[in-house]
Amino acid sequence: MPYDYSDAPPPQFEVIPHGTTATFVLHIRAGDVGEDGLLTRSKDGGCEMLVSELAIVDGPYKGRKLFERWILAGTTDGHAKSADINRSTLKAILDSALGLKPDDLSPQARAARTVDLKQFEGMSFIGRIGIEKGRPRNDGSGENWPDKNILAGVVTPDKRDWHPVEQLPPFNGGGGAQAAPTGTASPIARPGWAS
């Protein structure tokens, strides 16, 4: 059935104010290269990056998303520097999610930070939002793309506005359901109308 969209509200493209702190859940948009096929290769083939969707799960901007591309491998010195910066961001995400102080280098902290990329999927952490000015369009119009929100920083336990966040259990793909604990819930009875 057709729908009249005339009275639909205007699109909301307002950027979130710079410096806003929020709780994020990280989702990986898997490519087909690198560790477990989770990285995406750039168009020119020069680098591989972790493409991430950061969903805000609390506050007035709940439901909004930021998108990040973190280079983790590449062919140039610039790629190598970018990979170092991005690994420090991933370390900060781990610290925020797990409640680890950034300067904690104990064997327990090192063990907690030794993870596969797939373990970042679904990880909750506290982050600070920034605004990136729109870059020039490549269409000859002389106009810029709109400004956009970015992850400006990760809030770790050594910062005043950090707080513990609940980590959701990993998604098991819907298969291999675990047996219910003994003595808890009884099976659901089939209703009479379904007989």
N, C-alpha and C. Protein backbone atom coordinates (compact mmCIF):
# COMPACT_ATOMS: atom_id res chain seq x y z
N MET A 1 0.84 -1.17 0.00
CA MET A 1 0.00 0.00 0.00
C MET A 1 0.89 1.24 0.00
N PRO A 2 0.66 2.20 -0.91
CA PRO A 2 1.47 3.42 -0.97
C PRO A 2 1.32 4.24 0.31
N TYR A 3 2.36 4.97 0.64
CA TYR A 3 2.36 5.83 1.83
C TYR A 3 2.68 7.24 1.39
N ASP A 4 1.92 8.22 1.91
CA ASP A 4 2.16 9.63 1.59
C ASP A 4 3.24 10.17 2.53
N TYR A 5 4.42 10.44 2.01
CA TYR A 5 5.54 10.90 2.80
C TYR A 5 5.60 12.42 2.94
N SER A 6 4.59 13.13 2.47
CA SER A 6 4.60 14.59 2.49
C SER A 6 4.79 15.18 3.88
N ASP A 7 4.20 14.56 4.89
CA ASP A 7 4.25 15.11 6.24
C ASP A 7 5.35 14.49 7.10
N ALA A 8 6.24 13.72 6.49
CA ALA A 8 7.33 13.12 7.24
C ALA A 8 8.24 14.23 7.76
N PRO A 9 8.79 14.06 8.97
CA PRO A 9 9.67 15.11 9.51
C PRO A 9 10.94 15.24 8.66
N PRO A 10 11.56 16.41 8.71
CA PRO A 10 12.80 16.59 7.93
C PRO A 10 13.90 15.70 8.48
N PRO A 11 14.87 15.32 7.63
CA PRO A 11 15.97 14.48 8.11
C PRO A 11 16.76 15.21 9.21
N GLN A 12 17.29 14.42 10.14
CA GLN A 12 18.07 15.00 11.23
C GLN A 12 19.55 14.81 10.95
N PHE A 13 20.20 15.88 10.54
CA PHE A 13 21.62 15.81 10.24
C PHE A 13 22.42 16.71 11.16
N GLU A 14 21.86 17.08 12.30
CA GLU A 14 22.58 17.91 13.25
C GLU A 14 23.72 17.10 13.86
N VAL A 15 24.90 17.69 13.91
CA VAL A 15 26.01 16.99 14.53
C VAL A 15 25.87 17.06 16.05
N ILE A 16 26.34 16.03 16.71
CA ILE A 16 26.34 15.99 18.17
C ILE A 16 27.40 16.97 18.65
N PRO A 17 27.11 17.76 19.70
CA PRO A 17 28.09 18.76 20.15
C PRO A 17 29.45 18.17 20.50
N HIS A 18 30.49 18.91 20.14
CA HIS A 18 31.87 18.52 20.42
C HIS A 18 32.06 18.36 21.92
N GLY A 19 32.73 17.28 22.34
CA GLY A 19 33.02 17.04 23.75
C GLY A 19 31.97 16.23 24.47
N THR A 20 30.88 15.86 23.79
CA THR A 20 29.85 15.04 24.42
C THR A 20 30.43 13.67 24.76
N THR A 21 30.15 13.18 25.96
CA THR A 21 30.59 11.86 26.39
C THR A 21 29.42 10.91 26.31
N ALA A 22 29.66 9.69 25.81
CA ALA A 22 28.60 8.70 25.66
C ALA A 22 29.16 7.30 25.80
N THR A 23 28.26 6.35 26.03
CA THR A 23 28.63 4.94 26.03
C THR A 23 28.39 4.41 24.63
N PHE A 24 29.38 3.71 24.09
CA PHE A 24 29.31 3.15 22.74
C PHE A 24 29.36 1.63 22.80
N VAL A 25 28.77 1.00 21.79
CA VAL A 25 29.00 -0.42 21.53
C VAL A 25 29.64 -0.49 20.15
N LEU A 26 30.79 -1.17 20.08
CA LEU A 26 31.55 -1.28 18.84
C LEU A 26 31.08 -2.50 18.05
N HIS A 27 30.79 -2.28 16.78
CA HIS A 27 30.46 -3.38 15.87
C HIS A 27 31.43 -3.32 14.69
N ILE A 28 31.95 -4.47 14.33
CA ILE A 28 32.91 -4.55 13.23
C ILE A 28 32.17 -4.84 11.93
N ARG A 29 32.47 -4.05 10.92
CA ARG A 29 31.96 -4.32 9.58
C ARG A 29 33.06 -5.09 8.84
N ALA A 30 32.95 -6.40 8.92
CA ALA A 30 34.02 -7.26 8.42
C ALA A 30 34.25 -7.09 6.93
N GLY A 31 35.53 -7.08 6.56
CA GLY A 31 35.92 -7.08 5.15
C GLY A 31 36.23 -8.51 4.77
N ASP A 32 37.28 -8.70 4.02
CA ASP A 32 37.62 -10.07 3.62
C ASP A 32 39.12 -10.33 3.65
N VAL A 33 39.85 -9.50 4.42
CA VAL A 33 41.29 -9.67 4.50
C VAL A 33 41.74 -9.58 5.96
N GLY A 34 42.99 -9.89 6.20
CA GLY A 34 43.56 -9.75 7.53
C GLY A 34 43.06 -10.80 8.50
N GLU A 35 43.29 -10.53 9.77
CA GLU A 35 42.94 -11.44 10.85
C GLU A 35 41.46 -11.84 10.79
N ASP A 36 41.21 -13.12 10.62
CA ASP A 36 39.85 -13.69 10.55
C ASP A 36 38.98 -13.02 9.49
N GLY A 37 39.59 -12.38 8.49
CA GLY A 37 38.82 -11.72 7.45
C GLY A 37 38.06 -10.50 7.94
N LEU A 38 38.52 -9.88 9.04
CA LEU A 38 37.81 -8.75 9.63
C LEU A 38 38.24 -7.40 9.08
N LEU A 39 39.38 -7.35 8.39
CA LEU A 39 39.87 -6.08 7.88
C LEU A 39 39.37 -5.84 6.45
N THR A 40 39.36 -4.58 6.08
CA THR A 40 38.96 -4.17 4.73
C THR A 40 40.15 -3.52 4.06
N ARG A 41 40.42 -3.89 2.81
CA ARG A 41 41.53 -3.31 2.06
C ARG A 41 41.08 -2.01 1.40
N SER A 42 41.94 -1.02 1.40
CA SER A 42 41.63 0.26 0.76
C SER A 42 41.48 0.06 -0.74
N LYS A 43 40.83 1.03 -1.40
CA LYS A 43 40.59 0.94 -2.84
C LYS A 43 41.89 0.79 -3.62
N ASP A 44 42.95 1.49 -3.16
CA ASP A 44 44.23 1.40 -3.88
C ASP A 44 45.07 0.21 -3.46
N GLY A 45 44.57 -0.57 -2.48
CA GLY A 45 45.28 -1.76 -2.03
C GLY A 45 46.47 -1.49 -1.14
N GLY A 46 46.66 -0.25 -0.71
CA GLY A 46 47.84 0.11 0.06
C GLY A 46 47.76 -0.16 1.54
N CYS A 47 46.54 -0.32 2.07
CA CYS A 47 46.43 -0.54 3.51
C CYS A 47 45.20 -1.39 3.83
N GLU A 48 45.19 -1.91 5.05
CA GLU A 48 44.07 -2.68 5.55
C GLU A 48 43.59 -2.04 6.83
N MET A 49 42.27 -1.92 6.97
CA MET A 49 41.72 -1.20 8.12
C MET A 49 40.57 -1.95 8.75
N LEU A 50 40.34 -1.65 10.02
CA LEU A 50 39.20 -2.18 10.75
C LEU A 50 38.09 -1.14 10.60
N VAL A 51 37.02 -1.51 9.91
CA VAL A 51 35.89 -0.61 9.71
C VAL A 51 34.90 -0.87 10.84
N SER A 52 34.61 0.18 11.60
CA SER A 52 33.82 0.04 12.81
C SER A 52 32.60 0.94 12.81
N GLU A 53 31.53 0.43 13.38
CA GLU A 53 30.32 1.19 13.64
C GLU A 53 30.23 1.33 15.15
N LEU A 54 30.14 2.56 15.63
CA LEU A 54 30.08 2.83 17.05
C LEU A 54 28.69 3.34 17.38
N ALA A 55 27.87 2.50 18.00
CA ALA A 55 26.49 2.85 18.33
C ALA A 55 26.41 3.45 19.73
N ILE A 56 25.77 4.60 19.85
CA ILE A 56 25.58 5.24 21.15
C ILE A 56 24.40 4.54 21.83
N VAL A 57 24.60 4.12 23.07
CA VAL A 57 23.57 3.32 23.74
C VAL A 57 22.98 4.01 24.98
N ASP A 58 23.32 5.28 25.22
CA ASP A 58 22.72 5.98 26.34
C ASP A 58 22.63 7.46 26.05
N GLY A 59 21.92 8.18 26.91
CA GLY A 59 21.85 9.63 26.81
C GLY A 59 20.94 10.13 25.70
N PRO A 60 20.96 11.44 25.47
CA PRO A 60 20.03 12.05 24.50
C PRO A 60 20.32 11.66 23.05
N TYR A 61 21.48 11.10 22.78
CA TYR A 61 21.83 10.73 21.40
C TYR A 61 21.80 9.23 21.18
N LYS A 62 21.14 8.52 22.09
CA LYS A 62 21.01 7.06 21.99
C LYS A 62 20.46 6.70 20.61
N GLY A 63 21.09 5.71 19.98
CA GLY A 63 20.67 5.27 18.65
C GLY A 63 21.49 5.87 17.52
N ARG A 64 22.17 6.98 17.77
CA ARG A 64 23.03 7.57 16.73
C ARG A 64 24.29 6.73 16.60
N LYS A 65 24.94 6.82 15.45
CA LYS A 65 26.13 6.01 15.17
C LYS A 65 27.24 6.86 14.59
N LEU A 66 28.46 6.47 14.93
CA LEU A 66 29.65 7.03 14.31
C LEU A 66 30.32 5.90 13.55
N PHE A 67 31.06 6.24 12.50
CA PHE A 67 31.76 5.23 11.70
C PHE A 67 33.24 5.59 11.65
N GLU A 68 34.06 4.61 11.96
CA GLU A 68 35.51 4.82 11.99
C GLU A 68 36.20 3.78 11.11
N ARG A 69 37.31 4.20 10.53
CA ARG A 69 38.18 3.30 9.76
C ARG A 69 39.58 3.40 10.36
N TRP A 70 39.97 2.34 11.05
CA TRP A 70 41.26 2.33 11.74
C TRP A 70 42.25 1.50 10.94
N ILE A 71 43.25 2.15 10.32
CA ILE A 71 44.29 1.44 9.58
C ILE A 71 45.14 0.64 10.57
N LEU A 72 45.33 -0.65 10.27
CA LEU A 72 46.14 -1.52 11.12
C LEU A 72 47.33 -2.12 10.40
N ALA A 73 47.36 -2.00 9.06
CA ALA A 73 48.50 -2.50 8.27
C ALA A 73 48.55 -1.70 6.98
N GLY A 74 49.77 -1.49 6.48
CA GLY A 74 49.89 -0.74 5.23
C GLY A 74 51.28 -0.79 4.66
N THR A 75 51.45 -0.09 3.56
CA THR A 75 52.69 -0.16 2.80
C THR A 75 53.59 1.06 2.95
N THR A 76 53.12 2.11 3.62
CA THR A 76 53.92 3.34 3.73
C THR A 76 54.25 3.64 5.19
N ASP A 77 55.18 4.58 5.39
CA ASP A 77 55.50 5.04 6.74
C ASP A 77 54.27 5.69 7.39
N GLY A 78 53.48 6.40 6.59
CA GLY A 78 52.26 7.02 7.10
C GLY A 78 51.27 5.97 7.61
N HIS A 79 51.17 4.87 6.87
CA HIS A 79 50.30 3.78 7.32
C HIS A 79 50.81 3.21 8.64
N ALA A 80 52.13 3.05 8.77
CA ALA A 80 52.71 2.50 9.99
C ALA A 80 52.42 3.42 11.18
N LYS A 81 52.55 4.75 10.99
CA LYS A 81 52.24 5.70 12.06
C LYS A 81 50.76 5.64 12.41
N SER A 82 49.92 5.58 11.40
CA SER A 82 48.48 5.49 11.63
C SER A 82 48.12 4.21 12.38
N ALA A 83 48.76 3.10 12.02
CA ALA A 83 48.50 1.83 12.70
C ALA A 83 48.87 1.92 14.18
N ASP A 84 49.99 2.59 14.50
CA ASP A 84 50.38 2.77 15.90
C ASP A 84 49.33 3.59 16.66
N ILE A 85 48.87 4.68 16.05
CA ILE A 85 47.84 5.53 16.68
C ILE A 85 46.56 4.73 16.89
N ASN A 86 46.17 3.96 15.88
CA ASN A 86 44.92 3.21 15.96
C ASN A 86 45.01 2.06 16.97
N ARG A 87 46.18 1.45 17.09
CA ARG A 87 46.35 0.41 18.12
C ARG A 87 46.24 1.03 19.52
N SER A 88 46.72 2.28 19.67
CA SER A 88 46.57 2.93 20.97
C SER A 88 45.10 3.23 21.26
N THR A 89 44.32 3.54 20.22
CA THR A 89 42.88 3.73 20.39
C THR A 89 42.23 2.42 20.81
N LEU A 90 42.59 1.31 20.16
CA LEU A 90 42.03 0.01 20.52
C LEU A 90 42.43 -0.39 21.94
N LYS A 91 43.65 -0.07 22.35
CA LYS A 91 44.08 -0.33 23.73
C LYS A 91 43.21 0.47 24.69
N ALA A 92 42.96 1.74 24.37
CA ALA A 92 42.13 2.58 25.23
C ALA A 92 40.70 2.03 25.31
N ILE A 93 40.17 1.51 24.20
CA ILE A 93 38.84 0.89 24.22
C ILE A 93 38.84 -0.30 25.18
N LEU A 94 39.87 -1.13 25.10
CA LEU A 94 39.98 -2.25 26.03
C LEU A 94 40.04 -1.76 27.48
N ASP A 95 40.87 -0.75 27.74
CA ASP A 95 41.00 -0.22 29.09
C ASP A 95 39.66 0.31 29.60
N SER A 96 38.94 1.06 28.76
CA SER A 96 37.65 1.61 29.15
C SER A 96 36.65 0.49 29.42
N ALA A 97 36.61 -0.49 28.52
CA ALA A 97 35.65 -1.59 28.64
C ALA A 97 35.92 -2.47 29.85
N LEU A 98 37.19 -2.73 30.12
CA LEU A 98 37.57 -3.68 31.17
C LEU A 98 37.92 -3.02 32.50
N GLY A 99 37.92 -1.69 32.54
CA GLY A 99 38.23 -0.99 33.78
C GLY A 99 39.70 -1.05 34.14
N LEU A 100 40.58 -1.04 33.13
CA LEU A 100 42.03 -1.10 33.36
C LEU A 100 42.63 0.30 33.29
N LYS A 101 43.48 0.62 34.25
CA LYS A 101 44.21 1.89 34.19
C LYS A 101 45.23 1.80 33.06
N PRO A 102 45.36 2.85 32.23
CA PRO A 102 46.28 2.80 31.09
C PRO A 102 47.73 2.47 31.45
N ASP A 103 48.16 2.85 32.66
CA ASP A 103 49.55 2.58 33.03
C ASP A 103 49.72 1.25 33.76
N ASP A 104 48.66 0.46 33.85
CA ASP A 104 48.74 -0.86 34.50
C ASP A 104 49.38 -1.85 33.54
N LEU A 105 50.60 -2.23 33.82
CA LEU A 105 51.32 -3.18 32.97
C LEU A 105 51.55 -4.51 33.69
N SER A 106 50.70 -4.79 34.68
CA SER A 106 50.80 -6.04 35.43
C SER A 106 50.55 -7.23 34.49
N PRO A 107 50.98 -8.42 34.87
CA PRO A 107 50.71 -9.59 34.04
C PRO A 107 49.20 -9.81 33.79
N GLN A 108 48.38 -9.49 34.79
CA GLN A 108 46.93 -9.64 34.62
C GLN A 108 46.39 -8.66 33.58
N ALA A 109 46.85 -7.41 33.63
CA ALA A 109 46.40 -6.40 32.65
C ALA A 109 46.89 -6.76 31.25
N ARG A 110 48.13 -7.22 31.15
CA ARG A 110 48.65 -7.62 29.83
C ARG A 110 47.83 -8.79 29.27
N ALA A 111 47.49 -9.74 30.13
CA ALA A 111 46.68 -10.89 29.68
C ALA A 111 45.31 -10.42 29.21
N ALA A 112 44.70 -9.47 29.93
CA ALA A 112 43.38 -8.95 29.55
C ALA A 112 43.43 -8.20 28.23
N ARG A 113 44.57 -7.56 27.94
CA ARG A 113 44.71 -6.78 26.70
C ARG A 113 45.19 -7.63 25.52
N THR A 114 45.49 -8.88 25.73
CA THR A 114 45.93 -9.76 24.65
C THR A 114 44.70 -10.43 24.05
N VAL A 115 44.19 -9.83 22.96
CA VAL A 115 42.92 -10.27 22.38
C VAL A 115 43.01 -10.39 20.87
N ASP A 116 42.09 -11.15 20.30
CA ASP A 116 41.91 -11.19 18.85
C ASP A 116 41.00 -10.04 18.45
N LEU A 117 41.08 -9.59 17.21
CA LEU A 117 40.21 -8.51 16.76
C LEU A 117 38.74 -8.84 16.96
N LYS A 118 38.36 -10.10 16.76
CA LYS A 118 36.94 -10.47 16.86
C LYS A 118 36.40 -10.22 18.27
N GLN A 119 37.27 -10.13 19.28
CA GLN A 119 36.81 -9.88 20.63
C GLN A 119 36.35 -8.44 20.85
N PHE A 120 36.66 -7.55 19.91
CA PHE A 120 36.16 -6.18 20.00
C PHE A 120 34.68 -6.10 19.60
N GLU A 121 34.19 -7.07 18.86
CA GLU A 121 32.79 -7.07 18.42
C GLU A 121 31.87 -7.04 19.64
N GLY A 122 30.99 -6.03 19.69
CA GLY A 122 30.02 -5.91 20.77
C GLY A 122 30.57 -5.32 22.05
N MET A 123 31.82 -4.85 22.04
CA MET A 123 32.43 -4.31 23.26
C MET A 123 31.87 -2.93 23.56
N SER A 124 31.50 -2.71 24.83
CA SER A 124 30.99 -1.41 25.29
C SER A 124 32.12 -0.61 25.92
N PHE A 125 32.14 0.70 25.67
CA PHE A 125 33.16 1.57 26.24
C PHE A 125 32.65 3.00 26.29
N ILE A 126 33.35 3.84 27.03
CA ILE A 126 32.99 5.25 27.15
C ILE A 126 33.88 6.04 26.19
N GLY A 127 33.26 6.93 25.42
CA GLY A 127 34.03 7.74 24.47
C GLY A 127 33.58 9.18 24.45
N ARG A 128 34.43 10.01 23.89
CA ARG A 128 34.13 11.43 23.73
C ARG A 128 33.98 11.72 22.25
N ILE A 129 32.95 12.49 21.93
CA ILE A 129 32.61 12.77 20.53
C ILE A 129 33.24 14.10 20.10
N GLY A 130 33.72 14.12 18.86
CA GLY A 130 34.26 15.34 18.28
C GLY A 130 33.56 15.64 16.97
N ILE A 131 33.95 16.74 16.36
CA ILE A 131 33.38 17.14 15.06
C ILE A 131 34.53 17.32 14.08
N GLU A 132 34.41 16.65 12.93
CA GLU A 132 35.39 16.81 11.85
C GLU A 132 34.77 17.71 10.79
N LYS A 133 35.48 18.78 10.45
CA LYS A 133 34.98 19.70 9.43
C LYS A 133 34.87 18.99 8.09
N GLY A 134 33.83 19.32 7.35
CA GLY A 134 33.62 18.71 6.04
C GLY A 134 34.74 19.04 5.08
N ARG A 135 35.21 18.03 4.38
CA ARG A 135 36.29 18.20 3.40
C ARG A 135 35.70 18.58 2.04
N PRO A 136 36.53 19.15 1.15
CA PRO A 136 36.02 19.53 -0.17
C PRO A 136 35.52 18.31 -0.96
N ARG A 137 34.43 18.53 -1.67
CA ARG A 137 33.91 17.49 -2.57
C ARG A 137 34.82 17.40 -3.78
N ASN A 138 34.88 16.23 -4.37
CA ASN A 138 35.73 16.04 -5.57
C ASN A 138 34.92 16.16 -6.86
N ASP A 139 33.82 16.91 -6.83
CA ASP A 139 32.96 17.00 -8.01
C ASP A 139 33.09 18.32 -8.76
N GLY A 140 34.08 19.16 -8.34
CA GLY A 140 34.29 20.44 -9.03
C GLY A 140 33.33 21.52 -8.61
N SER A 141 32.44 21.26 -7.66
CA SER A 141 31.44 22.25 -7.25
C SER A 141 32.03 23.31 -6.33
N GLY A 142 33.18 23.03 -5.74
CA GLY A 142 33.76 23.97 -4.79
C GLY A 142 33.12 23.90 -3.42
N GLU A 143 32.16 23.00 -3.24
CA GLU A 143 31.49 22.84 -1.95
C GLU A 143 32.18 21.79 -1.11
N ASN A 144 31.89 21.84 0.19
CA ASN A 144 32.43 20.85 1.12
C ASN A 144 31.35 19.86 1.51
N TRP A 145 31.79 18.68 1.92
CA TRP A 145 30.88 17.72 2.53
C TRP A 145 30.43 18.31 3.86
N PRO A 146 29.29 17.87 4.41
CA PRO A 146 28.88 18.38 5.72
C PRO A 146 29.85 17.94 6.82
N ASP A 147 29.87 18.70 7.91
CA ASP A 147 30.66 18.30 9.07
C ASP A 147 30.10 16.97 9.59
N LYS A 148 30.96 16.17 10.26
CA LYS A 148 30.50 14.89 10.79
C LYS A 148 31.12 14.63 12.15
N ASN A 149 30.43 13.80 12.90
CA ASN A 149 30.95 13.41 14.22
C ASN A 149 31.98 12.30 14.08
N ILE A 150 32.95 12.35 14.96
CA ILE A 150 34.01 11.34 15.02
C ILE A 150 34.23 10.96 16.49
N LEU A 151 34.91 9.86 16.70
CA LEU A 151 35.35 9.50 18.04
C LEU A 151 36.59 10.34 18.33
N ALA A 152 36.45 11.31 19.23
CA ALA A 152 37.57 12.21 19.54
C ALA A 152 38.51 11.62 20.56
N GLY A 153 38.02 10.69 21.36
CA GLY A 153 38.87 10.07 22.37
C GLY A 153 38.10 9.03 23.14
N VAL A 154 38.83 8.19 23.83
CA VAL A 154 38.24 7.14 24.66
C VAL A 154 38.46 7.53 26.11
N VAL A 155 37.42 7.38 26.92
CA VAL A 155 37.49 7.73 28.33
C VAL A 155 37.88 6.48 29.11
N THR A 156 39.06 6.52 29.72
CA THR A 156 39.61 5.39 30.46
C THR A 156 39.44 5.63 31.97
N PRO A 157 39.65 4.58 32.80
CA PRO A 157 39.39 4.69 34.23
C PRO A 157 40.19 5.76 34.97
N ASP A 158 41.23 6.30 34.37
CA ASP A 158 41.99 7.37 35.02
C ASP A 158 41.36 8.75 34.81
N LYS A 159 40.27 8.81 34.04
CA LYS A 159 39.58 10.07 33.76
C LYS A 159 38.36 10.22 34.67
N ARG A 160 38.03 11.45 34.99
CA ARG A 160 36.94 11.75 35.92
C ARG A 160 35.58 11.26 35.42
N ASP A 161 35.31 11.34 34.12
CA ASP A 161 33.97 10.98 33.62
C ASP A 161 33.85 9.52 33.18
N TRP A 162 34.82 8.67 33.55
CA TRP A 162 34.70 7.24 33.27
C TRP A 162 33.79 6.60 34.31
N HIS A 163 33.07 5.58 33.89
CA HIS A 163 32.30 4.75 34.82
C HIS A 163 32.25 3.34 34.24
N PRO A 164 32.06 2.33 35.08
CA PRO A 164 32.02 0.96 34.56
C PRO A 164 30.85 0.79 33.59
N VAL A 165 31.06 -0.02 32.57
CA VAL A 165 30.00 -0.32 31.60
C VAL A 165 29.79 -1.83 31.56
N GLU A 166 28.55 -2.20 31.36
CA GLU A 166 28.21 -3.62 31.28
C GLU A 166 28.61 -4.16 29.93
N GLN A 167 29.27 -5.31 29.94
CA GLN A 167 29.64 -5.97 28.68
C GLN A 167 28.60 -7.04 28.38
N LEU A 168 28.02 -6.97 27.20
CA LEU A 168 27.04 -7.97 26.80
C LEU A 168 27.75 -9.28 26.47
N PRO A 169 27.09 -10.42 26.70
CA PRO A 169 27.72 -11.68 26.33
C PRO A 169 27.88 -11.74 24.82
N PRO A 170 28.91 -12.43 24.32
CA PRO A 170 29.11 -12.51 22.87
C PRO A 170 27.95 -13.22 22.19
N PHE A 171 27.62 -12.76 21.00
CA PHE A 171 26.55 -13.37 20.20
C PHE A 171 27.04 -14.72 19.70
N ASN A 172 26.23 -15.76 19.90
CA ASN A 172 26.68 -17.11 19.50
C ASN A 172 26.15 -17.51 18.14
N GLY A 173 25.56 -16.59 17.41
CA GLY A 173 25.08 -16.89 16.07
C GLY A 173 23.72 -17.58 16.06
N GLY A 174 23.11 -17.72 17.22
CA GLY A 174 21.78 -18.32 17.28
C GLY A 174 21.80 -19.84 17.29
N GLY A 175 22.97 -20.44 17.15
CA GLY A 175 23.04 -21.90 17.13
C GLY A 175 23.52 -22.44 18.45
N GLY A 176 23.31 -23.71 18.64
CA GLY A 176 23.84 -24.39 19.82
C GLY A 176 23.33 -23.81 21.11
N ALA A 177 22.01 -23.66 21.23
CA ALA A 177 21.44 -23.12 22.45
C ALA A 177 21.86 -23.97 23.64
N GLN A 178 22.17 -23.30 24.72
CA GLN A 178 22.58 -24.01 25.91
C GLN A 178 21.35 -24.57 26.61
N ALA A 179 21.51 -25.70 27.28
CA ALA A 179 20.41 -26.29 28.02
C ALA A 179 20.07 -25.41 29.21
N ALA A 180 18.78 -25.32 29.50
CA ALA A 180 18.34 -24.53 30.64
C ALA A 180 18.81 -25.22 31.92
N PRO A 181 19.17 -24.44 32.93
CA PRO A 181 19.60 -25.04 34.18
C PRO A 181 18.49 -25.91 34.76
N THR A 182 18.88 -27.00 35.37
CA THR A 182 17.93 -27.94 35.94
C THR A 182 17.13 -27.28 37.05
N GLY A 183 15.80 -27.57 37.06
CA GLY A 183 14.95 -27.12 38.14
C GLY A 183 14.51 -25.67 38.06
N THR A 184 14.71 -24.99 36.94
CA THR A 184 14.28 -23.60 36.86
C THR A 184 12.92 -23.51 36.20
N ALA A 185 12.85 -23.32 34.93
CA ALA A 185 11.57 -23.15 34.25
C ALA A 185 11.11 -24.46 33.64
N SER A 186 9.80 -24.68 33.73
CA SER A 186 9.24 -25.88 33.10
C SER A 186 8.92 -25.58 31.66
N PRO A 187 8.78 -26.62 30.82
CA PRO A 187 8.47 -26.37 29.42
C PRO A 187 7.12 -25.66 29.28
N ILE A 188 7.00 -24.87 28.22
CA ILE A 188 5.75 -24.15 27.96
C ILE A 188 4.73 -25.15 27.44
N ALA A 189 3.53 -25.16 28.06
CA ALA A 189 2.47 -26.08 27.64
C ALA A 189 1.84 -25.57 26.35
N ARG A 190 1.49 -26.50 25.49
CA ARG A 190 0.84 -26.16 24.23
C ARG A 190 -0.58 -25.70 24.52
N PRO A 191 -1.03 -24.53 23.99
CA PRO A 191 -2.38 -24.05 24.29
C PRO A 191 -3.43 -24.97 23.65
N GLY A 192 -4.60 -24.96 24.25
CA GLY A 192 -5.68 -25.81 23.78
C GLY A 192 -6.08 -25.57 22.35
N TRP A 193 -6.06 -24.30 21.91
CA TRP A 193 -6.48 -23.99 20.55
C TRP A 193 -5.51 -24.52 19.50
N ALA A 194 -4.29 -24.85 19.92
CA ALA A 194 -3.29 -25.33 18.98
C ALA A 194 -3.34 -26.83 18.79
N SER A 195 -4.22 -27.51 19.50
CA SER A 195 -4.30 -29.00 19.41
C SER A 195 -4.98 -29.44 18.15
